[in-house]
Amino acid sequence: MHSTLIVARMDPGSAGDVAALFREFDQSDMPGLMGTRRRQLFHYRGLYFHLQDFDEDHGGERIEDAKGDPRFVRISDDLKPFIEAYDPKTWRSPADAMASRFYHWSTP
């Protein structure tokens, strides 16, 4: 399984709105098109963490392919009032907000 973690800023009071947007999005066929197996959203002291798991290490490519889909464009636009780039000066795409994993352990 491959995972990505996006870090951004979010008012914790927006958690319900953000969850509702993803709930609707995840009930469509978009997660399957992107290869998403699981999505988890977290917040902590004004930070937003979006953990997404994929069956394969091709999640980034499949997301790039899905970015032109109107549903992907719509959720990206719908999230803008709630999610702010961690560093707006350097943000150009979600790849600019992805954390780098430096340790991994799983059961043998």
PDB file of N, CA and C in Angstrom:
ATOM      1  N   MET A   1       0.837  -1.172   0.000  1.00  0.00           N
ATOM      2  CA  MET A   1       0.000   0.000   0.000  1.00  0.00           C
ATOM      3  C   MET A   1       0.883   1.238   0.000  1.00  0.00           C
ATOM      4  N   HIS A   2       0.494   2.233  -0.748  1.00  0.00           N
ATOM      5  CA  HIS A   2       1.207   3.503  -0.831  1.00  0.00           C
ATOM      6  C   HIS A   2       0.339   4.571  -0.167  1.00  0.00           C
ATOM      7  N   SER A   3       0.949   5.468   0.579  1.00  0.00           N
ATOM      8  CA  SER A   3       0.201   6.525   1.263  1.00  0.00           C
ATOM      9  C   SER A   3       0.769   7.887   0.913  1.00  0.00           C
ATOM     10  N   THR A   4      -0.110   8.881   0.910  1.00  0.00           N
ATOM     11  CA  THR A   4       0.320  10.269   0.804  1.00  0.00           C
ATOM     12  C   THR A   4      -0.308  11.039   1.955  1.00  0.00           C
ATOM     13  N   LEU A   5       0.386  12.067   2.417  1.00  0.00           N
ATOM     14  CA  LEU A   5      -0.107  12.910   3.492  1.00  0.00           C
ATOM     15  C   LEU A   5       0.030  14.358   3.051  1.00  0.00           C
ATOM     16  N   ILE A   6      -1.104  15.030   2.942  1.00  0.00           N
ATOM     17  CA  ILE A   6      -1.120  16.445   2.582  1.00  0.00           C
ATOM     18  C   ILE A   6      -1.313  17.248   3.861  1.00  0.00           C
ATOM     19  N   VAL A   7      -0.517  18.281   4.037  1.00  0.00           N
ATOM     20  CA  VAL A   7      -0.583  19.150   5.204  1.00  0.00           C
ATOM     21  C   VAL A   7      -0.998  20.543   4.742  1.00  0.00           C
ATOM     22  N   ALA A   8      -1.998  21.092   5.406  1.00  0.00           N
ATOM     23  CA  ALA A   8      -2.470  22.434   5.073  1.00  0.00           C
ATOM     24  C   ALA A   8      -2.971  23.087   6.366  1.00  0.00           C
ATOM     25  N   ARG A   9      -3.662  24.200   6.208  1.00  0.00           N
ATOM     26  CA  ARG A   9      -4.223  24.904   7.367  1.00  0.00           C
ATOM     27  C   ARG A   9      -5.749  24.872   7.264  1.00  0.00           C
ATOM     28  N   MET A  10      -6.398  24.729   8.433  1.00  0.00           N
ATOM     29  CA  MET A  10      -7.844  24.680   8.451  1.00  0.00           C
ATOM     30  C   MET A  10      -8.336  25.130   9.822  1.00  0.00           C
ATOM     31  N   ASP A  11      -9.385  25.924   9.834  1.00  0.00           N
ATOM     32  CA  ASP A  11     -10.055  26.264  11.081  1.00  0.00           C
ATOM     33  C   ASP A  11     -10.750  24.996  11.565  1.00  0.00           C
ATOM     34  N   PRO A  12     -10.461  24.530  12.787  1.00  0.00           N
ATOM     35  CA  PRO A  12     -11.075  23.292  13.269  1.00  0.00           C
ATOM     36  C   PRO A  12     -12.599  23.307  13.206  1.00  0.00           C
ATOM     37  N   GLY A  13     -13.208  24.486  13.253  1.00  0.00           N
ATOM     38  CA  GLY A  13     -14.657  24.590  13.149  1.00  0.00           C
ATOM     39  C   GLY A  13     -15.185  24.200  11.785  1.00  0.00           C
ATOM     40  N   SER A  14     -14.322  24.081  10.805  1.00  0.00           N
ATOM     41  CA  SER A  14     -14.718  23.703   9.448  1.00  0.00           C
ATOM     42  C   SER A  14     -14.693  22.201   9.219  1.00  0.00           C
ATOM     43  N   ALA A  15     -14.306  21.428  10.221  1.00  0.00           N
ATOM     44  CA  ALA A  15     -14.143  19.983  10.040  1.00  0.00           C
ATOM     45  C   ALA A  15     -15.413  19.317   9.514  1.00  0.00           C
ATOM     46  N   GLY A  16     -16.563  19.693  10.015  1.00  0.00           N
ATOM     47  CA  GLY A  16     -17.815  19.098   9.555  1.00  0.00           C
ATOM     48  C   GLY A  16     -18.094  19.389   8.095  1.00  0.00           C
ATOM     49  N   ASP A  17     -17.834  20.620   7.668  1.00  0.00           N
ATOM     50  CA  ASP A  17     -18.049  20.989   6.263  1.00  0.00           C
ATOM     51  C   ASP A  17     -17.109  20.223   5.344  1.00  0.00           C
ATOM     52  N   VAL A  18     -15.841  20.122   5.745  1.00  0.00           N
ATOM     53  CA  VAL A  18     -14.850  19.418   4.929  1.00  0.00           C
ATOM     54  C   VAL A  18     -15.195  17.931   4.859  1.00  0.00           C
ATOM     55  N   ALA A  19     -15.580  17.353   5.994  1.00  0.00           N
ATOM     56  CA  ALA A  19     -15.961  15.934   6.007  1.00  0.00           C
ATOM     57  C   ALA A  19     -17.164  15.686   5.101  1.00  0.00           C
ATOM     58  N   ALA A  20     -18.132  16.592   5.110  1.00  0.00           N
ATOM     59  CA  ALA A  20     -19.320  16.432   4.261  1.00  0.00           C
ATOM     60  C   ALA A  20     -18.952  16.476   2.778  1.00  0.00           C
ATOM     61  N   LEU A  21     -18.042  17.352   2.403  1.00  0.00           N
ATOM     62  CA  LEU A  21     -17.606  17.420   1.004  1.00  0.00           C
ATOM     63  C   LEU A  21     -16.933  16.120   0.582  1.00  0.00           C
ATOM     64  N   PHE A  22     -16.050  15.602   1.422  1.00  0.00           N
ATOM     65  CA  PHE A  22     -15.382  14.349   1.075  1.00  0.00           C
ATOM     66  C   PHE A  22     -16.333  13.152   1.141  1.00  0.00           C
ATOM     67  N   ARG A  23     -17.296  13.195   2.065  1.00  0.00           N
ATOM     68  CA  ARG A  23     -18.267  12.100   2.146  1.00  0.00           C
ATOM     69  C   ARG A  23     -19.002  11.958   0.807  1.00  0.00           C
ATOM     70  N   GLU A  24     -19.443  13.090   0.257  1.00  0.00           N
ATOM     71  CA  GLU A  24     -20.136  13.065  -1.039  1.00  0.00           C
ATOM     72  C   GLU A  24     -19.190  12.616  -2.153  1.00  0.00           C
ATOM     73  N   PHE A  25     -17.990  13.155  -2.171  1.00  0.00           N
ATOM     74  CA  PHE A  25     -16.995  12.816  -3.191  1.00  0.00           C
ATOM     75  C   PHE A  25     -16.661  11.319  -3.151  1.00  0.00           C
ATOM     76  N   ASP A  26     -16.489  10.801  -1.937  1.00  0.00           N
ATOM     77  CA  ASP A  26     -16.081   9.402  -1.787  1.00  0.00           C
ATOM     78  C   ASP A  26     -17.204   8.413  -2.087  1.00  0.00           C
ATOM     79  N   GLN A  27     -18.438   8.884  -2.160  1.00  0.00           N
ATOM     80  CA  GLN A  27     -19.553   8.011  -2.542  1.00  0.00           C
ATOM     81  C   GLN A  27     -19.687   7.898  -4.054  1.00  0.00           C
ATOM     82  N   SER A  28     -18.899   8.678  -4.780  1.00  0.00           N
ATOM     83  CA  SER A  28     -18.897   8.601  -6.245  1.00  0.00           C
ATOM     84  C   SER A  28     -17.862   7.552  -6.673  1.00  0.00           C
ATOM     85  N   ASP A  29     -17.653   7.449  -7.974  1.00  0.00           N
ATOM     86  CA  ASP A  29     -16.645   6.511  -8.471  1.00  0.00           C
ATOM     87  C   ASP A  29     -15.249   7.138  -8.536  1.00  0.00           C
ATOM     88  N   MET A  30     -15.118   8.381  -8.091  1.00  0.00           N
ATOM     89  CA  MET A  30     -13.822   9.060  -8.168  1.00  0.00           C
ATOM     90  C   MET A  30     -12.718   8.361  -7.370  1.00  0.00           C
ATOM     91  N   PRO A  31     -12.959   7.911  -6.138  1.00  0.00           N
ATOM     92  CA  PRO A  31     -11.864   7.218  -5.441  1.00  0.00           C
ATOM     93  C   PRO A  31     -11.343   6.020  -6.243  1.00  0.00           C
ATOM     94  N   GLY A  32     -12.233   5.270  -6.864  1.00  0.00           N
ATOM     95  CA  GLY A  32     -11.803   4.135  -7.672  1.00  0.00           C
ATOM     96  C   GLY A  32     -10.985   4.565  -8.869  1.00  0.00           C
ATOM     97  N   LEU A  33     -11.382   5.658  -9.509  1.00  0.00           N
ATOM     98  CA  LEU A  33     -10.630   6.164 -10.658  1.00  0.00           C
ATOM     99  C   LEU A  33      -9.227   6.606 -10.255  1.00  0.00           C
ATOM    100  N   MET A  34      -9.112   7.138  -9.043  1.00  0.00           N
ATOM    101  CA  MET A  34      -7.820   7.624  -8.571  1.00  0.00           C
ATOM    102  C   MET A  34      -7.008   6.529  -7.898  1.00  0.00           C
ATOM    103  N   GLY A  35      -7.619   5.372  -7.646  1.00  0.00           N
ATOM    104  CA  GLY A  35      -6.916   4.289  -6.973  1.00  0.00           C
ATOM    105  C   GLY A  35      -6.895   4.434  -5.468  1.00  0.00           C
ATOM    106  N   THR A  36      -7.761   5.300  -4.929  1.00  0.00           N
ATOM    107  CA  THR A  36      -7.802   5.531  -3.487  1.00  0.00           C
ATOM    108  C   THR A  36      -8.464   4.354  -2.787  1.00  0.00           C
ATOM    109  N   ARG A  37      -7.768   3.835  -1.801  1.00  0.00           N
ATOM    110  CA  ARG A  37      -8.320   2.727  -1.013  1.00  0.00           C
ATOM    111  C   ARG A  37      -8.918   3.231   0.296  1.00  0.00           C
ATOM    112  N   ARG A  38      -8.286   4.249   0.879  1.00  0.00           N
ATOM    113  CA  ARG A  38      -8.762   4.795   2.151  1.00  0.00           C
ATOM    114  C   ARG A  38      -8.344   6.259   2.249  1.00  0.00           C
ATOM    115  N   ARG A  39      -9.225   7.048   2.865  1.00  0.00           N
ATOM    116  CA  ARG A  39      -8.935   8.468   3.109  1.00  0.00           C
ATOM    117  C   ARG A  39      -9.219   8.744   4.584  1.00  0.00           C
ATOM    118  N   GLN A  40      -8.302   9.444   5.225  1.00  0.00           N
ATOM    119  CA  GLN A  40      -8.506   9.857   6.601  1.00  0.00           C
ATOM    120  C   GLN A  40      -8.148  11.339   6.706  1.00  0.00           C
ATOM    121  N   LEU A  41      -8.979  12.090   7.398  1.00  0.00           N
ATOM    122  CA  LEU A  41      -8.760  13.518   7.598  1.00  0.00           C
ATOM    123  C   LEU A  41      -8.559  13.774   9.089  1.00  0.00           C
ATOM    124  N   PHE A  42      -7.561  14.605   9.400  1.00  0.00           N
ATOM    125  CA  PHE A  42      -7.254  14.947  10.778  1.00  0.00           C
ATOM    126  C   PHE A  42      -7.066  16.462  10.872  1.00  0.00           C
ATOM    127  N   HIS A  43      -7.305  16.998  12.054  1.00  0.00           N
ATOM    128  CA  HIS A  43      -6.923  18.385  12.310  1.00  0.00           C
ATOM    129  C   HIS A  43      -6.275  18.475  13.676  1.00  0.00           C
ATOM    130  N   TYR A  44      -5.364  19.427  13.802  1.00  0.00           N
ATOM    131  CA  TYR A  44      -4.655  19.639  15.050  1.00  0.00           C
ATOM    132  C   TYR A  44      -4.171  21.077  15.094  1.00  0.00           C
ATOM    133  N   ARG A  45      -4.718  21.860  16.018  1.00  0.00           N
ATOM    134  CA  ARG A  45      -4.285  23.241  16.249  1.00  0.00           C
ATOM    135  C   ARG A  45      -4.148  24.053  14.964  1.00  0.00           C
ATOM    136  N   GLY A  46      -5.197  24.020  14.167  1.00  0.00           N
ATOM    137  CA  GLY A  46      -5.203  24.814  12.945  1.00  0.00           C
ATOM    138  C   GLY A  46      -4.543  24.160  11.749  1.00  0.00           C
ATOM    139  N   LEU A  47      -4.022  22.954  11.930  1.00  0.00           N
ATOM    140  CA  LEU A  47      -3.437  22.224  10.805  1.00  0.00           C
ATOM    141  C   LEU A  47      -4.412  21.157  10.333  1.00  0.00           C
ATOM    142  N   TYR A  48      -4.355  20.864   9.066  1.00  0.00           N
ATOM    143  CA  TYR A  48      -5.197  19.873   8.403  1.00  0.00           C
ATOM    144  C   TYR A  48      -4.276  18.803   7.823  1.00  0.00           C
ATOM    145  N   PHE A  49      -4.626  17.549   8.053  1.00  0.00           N
ATOM    146  CA  PHE A  49      -3.848  16.423   7.549  1.00  0.00           C
ATOM    147  C   PHE A  49      -4.781  15.517   6.749  1.00  0.00           C
ATOM    148  N   HIS A  50      -4.427  15.259   5.524  1.00  0.00           N
ATOM    149  CA  HIS A  50      -5.234  14.442   4.614  1.00  0.00           C
ATOM    150  C   HIS A  50      -4.395  13.231   4.230  1.00  0.00           C
ATOM    151  N   LEU A  51      -4.699  12.106   4.857  1.00  0.00           N
ATOM    152  CA  LEU A  51      -3.971  10.861   4.614  1.00  0.00           C
ATOM    153  C   LEU A  51      -4.764  10.023   3.630  1.00  0.00           C
ATOM    154  N   GLN A  52      -4.120   9.663   2.535  1.00  0.00           N
ATOM    155  CA  GLN A  52      -4.780   8.902   1.482  1.00  0.00           C
ATOM    156  C   GLN A  52      -3.937   7.667   1.173  1.00  0.00           C
ATOM    157  N   ASP A  53      -4.592   6.514   1.185  1.00  0.00           N
ATOM    158  CA  ASP A  53      -3.912   5.250   0.925  1.00  0.00           C
ATOM    159  C   ASP A  53      -4.338   4.709  -0.430  1.00  0.00           C
ATOM    160  N   PHE A  54      -3.360   4.139  -1.135  1.00  0.00           N
ATOM    161  CA  PHE A  54      -3.576   3.572  -2.464  1.00  0.00           C
ATOM    162  C   PHE A  54      -3.092   2.127  -2.465  1.00  0.00           C
ATOM    163  N   ASP A  55      -3.720   1.300  -3.284  1.00  0.00           N
ATOM    164  CA  ASP A  55      -3.277  -0.084  -3.422  1.00  0.00           C
ATOM    165  C   ASP A  55      -1.872  -0.152  -4.014  1.00  0.00           C
ATOM    166  N   GLU A  56      -1.578   0.765  -4.923  1.00  0.00           N
ATOM    167  CA  GLU A  56      -0.314   0.748  -5.658  1.00  0.00           C
ATOM    168  C   GLU A  56       0.401   2.074  -5.490  1.00  0.00           C
ATOM    169  N   ASP A  57       1.621   2.126  -5.902  1.00  0.00           N
ATOM    170  CA  ASP A  57       2.407   3.353  -5.851  1.00  0.00           C
ATOM    171  C   ASP A  57       2.174   4.202  -7.102  1.00  0.00           C
ATOM    172  N   HIS A  58       0.978   4.128  -7.673  1.00  0.00           N
ATOM    173  CA  HIS A  58       0.652   4.925  -8.856  1.00  0.00           C
ATOM    174  C   HIS A  58      -0.399   5.976  -8.543  1.00  0.00           C
ATOM    175  N   GLY A  59      -0.652   6.214  -7.239  1.00  0.00           N
ATOM    176  CA  GLY A  59      -1.675   7.166  -6.846  1.00  0.00           C
ATOM    177  C   GLY A  59      -1.471   8.550  -7.447  1.00  0.00           C
ATOM    178  N   GLY A  60      -0.240   9.033  -7.437  1.00  0.00           N
ATOM    179  CA  GLY A  60       0.032  10.356  -7.974  1.00  0.00           C
ATOM    180  C   GLY A  60      -0.303  10.466  -9.445  1.00  0.00           C
ATOM    181  N   GLU A  61       0.049   9.447 -10.207  1.00  0.00           N
ATOM    182  CA  GLU A  61      -0.244   9.450 -11.643  1.00  0.00           C
ATOM    183  C   GLU A  61      -1.743   9.413 -11.893  1.00  0.00           C
ATOM    184  N   ARG A  62      -2.438   8.577 -11.151  1.00  0.00           N
ATOM    185  CA  ARG A  62      -3.882   8.458 -11.347  1.00  0.00           C
ATOM    186  C   ARG A  62      -4.604   9.727 -10.907  1.00  0.00           C
ATOM    187  N   ILE A  63      -4.108  10.371  -9.861  1.00  0.00           N
ATOM    188  CA  ILE A  63      -4.697  11.647  -9.440  1.00  0.00           C
ATOM    189  C   ILE A  63      -4.465  12.699 -10.517  1.00  0.00           C
ATOM    190  N   GLU A  64      -3.267  12.738 -11.076  1.00  0.00           N
ATOM    191  CA  GLU A  64      -2.990  13.682 -12.162  1.00  0.00           C
ATOM    192  C   GLU A  64      -3.969  13.472 -13.315  1.00  0.00           C
ATOM    193  N   ASP A  65      -4.237  12.216 -13.644  1.00  0.00           N
ATOM    194  CA  ASP A  65      -5.182  11.903 -14.713  1.00  0.00           C
ATOM    195  C   ASP A  65      -6.598  12.358 -14.364  1.00  0.00           C
ATOM    196  N   ALA A  66      -6.966  12.283 -13.070  1.00  0.00           N
ATOM    197  CA  ALA A  66      -8.323  12.616 -12.634  1.00  0.00           C
ATOM    198  C   ALA A  66      -8.525  14.121 -12.434  1.00  0.00           C
ATOM    199  N   LYS A  67      -7.454  14.897 -12.385  1.00  0.00           N
ATOM    200  CA  LYS A  67      -7.568  16.326 -12.075  1.00  0.00           C
ATOM    201  C   LYS A  67      -8.459  17.102 -13.036  1.00  0.00           C
ATOM    202  N   GLY A  68      -8.629  16.606 -14.260  1.00  0.00           N
ATOM    203  CA  GLY A  68      -9.480  17.294 -15.213  1.00  0.00           C
ATOM    204  C   GLY A  68     -10.948  16.922 -15.089  1.00  0.00           C
ATOM    205  N   ASP A  69     -11.267  15.913 -14.294  1.00  0.00           N
ATOM    206  CA  ASP A  69     -12.650  15.485 -14.108  1.00  0.00           C
ATOM    207  C   ASP A  69     -13.421  16.603 -13.391  1.00  0.00           C
ATOM    208  N   PRO A  70     -14.616  16.933 -13.865  1.00  0.00           N
ATOM    209  CA  PRO A  70     -15.390  18.015 -13.237  1.00  0.00           C
ATOM    210  C   PRO A  70     -15.642  17.804 -11.748  1.00  0.00           C
ATOM    211  N   ARG A  71     -15.755  16.568 -11.306  1.00  0.00           N
ATOM    212  CA  ARG A  71     -15.976  16.309  -9.874  1.00  0.00           C
ATOM    213  C   ARG A  71     -14.733  16.632  -9.055  1.00  0.00           C
ATOM    214  N   PHE A  72     -13.559  16.372  -9.609  1.00  0.00           N
ATOM    215  CA  PHE A  72     -12.309  16.703  -8.932  1.00  0.00           C
ATOM    216  C   PHE A  72     -12.164  18.226  -8.867  1.00  0.00           C
ATOM    217  N   VAL A  73     -12.458  18.886  -9.976  1.00  0.00           N
ATOM    218  CA  VAL A  73     -12.382  20.349 -10.020  1.00  0.00           C
ATOM    219  C   VAL A  73     -13.359  20.951  -9.013  1.00  0.00           C
ATOM    220  N   ARG A  74     -14.577  20.387  -8.951  1.00  0.00           N
ATOM    221  CA  ARG A  74     -15.601  20.920  -8.044  1.00  0.00           C
ATOM    222  C   ARG A  74     -15.188  20.771  -6.583  1.00  0.00           C
ATOM    223  N   ILE A  75     -14.699  19.583  -6.177  1.00  0.00           N
ATOM    224  CA  ILE A  75     -14.334  19.452  -4.761  1.00  0.00           C
ATOM    225  C   ILE A  75     -13.149  20.352  -4.429  1.00  0.00           C
ATOM    226  N   SER A  76     -12.224  20.504  -5.356  1.00  0.00           N
ATOM    227  CA  SER A  76     -11.091  21.416  -5.122  1.00  0.00           C
ATOM    228  C   SER A  76     -11.595  22.838  -4.896  1.00  0.00           C
ATOM    229  N   ASP A  77     -12.542  23.276  -5.711  1.00  0.00           N
ATOM    230  CA  ASP A  77     -13.122  24.618  -5.546  1.00  0.00           C
ATOM    231  C   ASP A  77     -13.939  24.718  -4.260  1.00  0.00           C
ATOM    232  N   ASP A  78     -14.706  23.671  -3.954  1.00  0.00           N
ATOM    233  CA  ASP A  78     -15.554  23.685  -2.757  1.00  0.00           C
ATOM    234  C   ASP A  78     -14.741  23.702  -1.470  1.00  0.00           C
ATOM    235  N   LEU A  79     -13.530  23.153  -1.504  1.00  0.00           N
ATOM    236  CA  LEU A  79     -12.675  23.130  -0.315  1.00  0.00           C
ATOM    237  C   LEU A  79     -11.955  24.454  -0.065  1.00  0.00           C
ATOM    238  N   LYS A  80     -11.861  25.302  -1.076  1.00  0.00           N
ATOM    239  CA  LYS A  80     -11.075  26.543  -0.948  1.00  0.00           C
ATOM    240  C   LYS A  80     -11.488  27.432   0.227  1.00  0.00           C
ATOM    241  N   PRO A  81     -12.789  27.564   0.553  1.00  0.00           N
ATOM    242  CA  PRO A  81     -13.119  28.402   1.715  1.00  0.00           C
ATOM    243  C   PRO A  81     -12.656  27.816   3.054  1.00  0.00           C
ATOM    244  N   PHE A  82     -12.330  26.531   3.075  1.00  0.00           N
ATOM    245  CA  PHE A  82     -12.015  25.859   4.330  1.00  0.00           C
ATOM    246  C   PHE A  82     -10.545  25.488   4.499  1.00  0.00           C
ATOM    247  N   ILE A  83      -9.874  25.180   3.393  1.00  0.00           N
ATOM    248  CA  ILE A  83      -8.495  24.694   3.441  1.00  0.00           C
ATOM    249  C   ILE A  83      -7.570  25.740   2.822  1.00  0.00           C
ATOM    250  N   GLU A  84      -6.528  26.091   3.554  1.00  0.00           N
ATOM    251  CA  GLU A  84      -5.549  27.072   3.073  1.00  0.00           C
ATOM    252  C   GLU A  84      -4.189  26.387   2.980  1.00  0.00           C
ATOM    253  N   ALA A  85      -3.442  26.723   1.970  1.00  0.00           N
ATOM    254  CA  ALA A  85      -2.105  26.150   1.809  1.00  0.00           C
ATOM    255  C   ALA A  85      -1.276  26.400   3.059  1.00  0.00           C
ATOM    256  N   TYR A  86      -0.471  25.436   3.421  1.00  0.00           N
ATOM    257  CA  TYR A  86       0.412  25.593   4.575  1.00  0.00           C
ATOM    258  C   TYR A  86       1.363  26.765   4.342  1.00  0.00           C
ATOM    259  N   ASP A  87       1.926  26.840   3.150  1.00  0.00           N
ATOM    260  CA  ASP A  87       2.816  27.941   2.774  1.00  0.00           C
ATOM    261  C   ASP A  87       2.336  28.497   1.439  1.00  0.00           C
ATOM    262  N   PRO A  88       1.439  29.477   1.461  1.00  0.00           N
ATOM    263  CA  PRO A  88       0.883  30.006   0.209  1.00  0.00           C
ATOM    264  C   PRO A  88       1.922  30.532  -0.777  1.00  0.00           C
ATOM    265  N   LYS A  89       3.097  30.931  -0.274  1.00  0.00           N
ATOM    266  CA  LYS A  89       4.126  31.473  -1.165  1.00  0.00           C
ATOM    267  C   LYS A  89       4.716  30.405  -2.085  1.00  0.00           C
ATOM    268  N   THR A  90       4.721  29.154  -1.628  1.00  0.00           N
ATOM    269  CA  THR A  90       5.363  28.108  -2.426  1.00  0.00           C
ATOM    270  C   THR A  90       4.368  27.116  -3.019  1.00  0.00           C
ATOM    271  N   TRP A  91       3.070  27.224  -2.677  1.00  0.00           N
ATOM    272  CA  TRP A  91       2.094  26.227  -3.121  1.00  0.00           C
ATOM    273  C   TRP A  91       1.682  26.467  -4.569  1.00  0.00           C
ATOM    274  N   ARG A  92       1.800  25.401  -5.379  1.00  0.00           N
ATOM    275  CA  ARG A  92       1.326  25.435  -6.757  1.00  0.00           C
ATOM    276  C   ARG A  92       0.364  24.285  -7.027  1.00  0.00           C
ATOM    277  N   SER A  93       0.534  23.181  -6.291  1.00  0.00           N
ATOM    278  CA  SER A  93      -0.325  22.008  -6.453  1.00  0.00           C
ATOM    279  C   SER A  93      -0.265  21.196  -5.163  1.00  0.00           C
ATOM    280  N   PRO A  94      -1.142  20.194  -5.000  1.00  0.00           N
ATOM    281  CA  PRO A  94      -1.091  19.376  -3.783  1.00  0.00           C
ATOM    282  C   PRO A  94       0.283  18.741  -3.539  1.00  0.00           C
ATOM    283  N   ALA A  95       1.036  18.505  -4.588  1.00  0.00           N
ATOM    284  CA  ALA A  95       2.381  17.926  -4.407  1.00  0.00           C
ATOM    285  C   ALA A  95       3.259  18.830  -3.543  1.00  0.00           C
ATOM    286  N   ASP A  96       3.003  20.142  -3.556  1.00  0.00           N
ATOM    287  CA  ASP A  96       3.790  21.076  -2.762  1.00  0.00           C
ATOM    288  C   ASP A  96       3.425  21.030  -1.279  1.00  0.00           C
ATOM    289  N   ALA A  97       2.382  20.292  -0.939  1.00  0.00           N
ATOM    290  CA  ALA A  97       1.935  20.201   0.448  1.00  0.00           C
ATOM    291  C   ALA A  97       2.075  18.785   1.002  1.00  0.00           C
ATOM    292  N   MET A  98       2.707  17.896   0.247  1.00  0.00           N
ATOM    293  CA  MET A  98       2.834  16.513   0.697  1.00  0.00           C
ATOM    294  C   MET A  98       4.022  16.345   1.621  1.00  0.00           C
ATOM    295  N   ALA A  99       3.747  15.717   2.747  1.00  0.00           N
ATOM    296  CA  ALA A  99       4.802  15.428   3.705  1.00  0.00           C
ATOM    297  C   ALA A  99       5.701  14.316   3.163  1.00  0.00           C
ATOM    298  N   SER A 100       6.928  14.307   3.594  1.00  0.00           N
ATOM    299  CA  SER A 100       7.878  13.265   3.192  1.00  0.00           C
ATOM    300  C   SER A 100       7.994  12.242   4.315  1.00  0.00           C
ATOM    301  N   ARG A 101       7.718  11.001   4.000  1.00  0.00           N
ATOM    302  CA  ARG A 101       7.843   9.948   5.008  1.00  0.00           C
ATOM    303  C   ARG A 101       9.323   9.658   5.232  1.00  0.00           C
ATOM    304  N   PHE A 102       9.713   9.593   6.502  1.00  0.00           N
ATOM    305  CA  PHE A 102      11.110   9.301   6.806  1.00  0.00           C
ATOM    306  C   PHE A 102      11.275   8.040   7.644  1.00  0.00           C
ATOM    307  N   TYR A 103      10.151   7.371   7.997  1.00  0.00           N
ATOM    308  CA  TYR A 103      10.219   6.101   8.700  1.00  0.00           C
ATOM    309  C   TYR A 103       8.920   5.356   8.464  1.00  0.00           C
ATOM    310  N   HIS A 104       9.019   4.049   8.304  1.00  0.00           N
ATOM    311  CA  HIS A 104       7.835   3.199   8.100  1.00  0.00           C
ATOM    312  C   HIS A 104       8.082   1.862   8.761  1.00  0.00           C
ATOM    313  N   TRP A 105       7.073   1.353   9.453  1.00  0.00           N
ATOM    314  CA  TRP A 105       7.123   0.022  10.043  1.00  0.00           C
ATOM    315  C   TRP A 105       5.789  -0.637   9.845  1.00  0.00           C
ATOM    316  N   SER A 106       5.775  -1.921   9.577  1.00  0.00           N
ATOM    317  CA  SER A 106       4.535  -2.693   9.509  1.00  0.00           C
ATOM    318  C   SER A 106       4.812  -4.086  10.044  1.00  0.00           C
ATOM    319  N   THR A 107       3.762  -4.775  10.369  1.00  0.00           N
ATOM    320  CA  THR A 107       3.940  -6.132  10.893  1.00  0.00           C
ATOM    321  C   THR A 107       4.541  -7.021   9.824  1.00  0.00           C
ATOM    322  N   PRO A 108       5.387  -7.949  10.224  1.00  0.00           N
ATOM    323  CA  PRO A 108       6.012  -8.840   9.243  1.00  0.00           C
ATOM    324  C   PRO A 108       5.006  -9.806   8.619  1.00  0.00           C
TER     325      PRO A 108
END
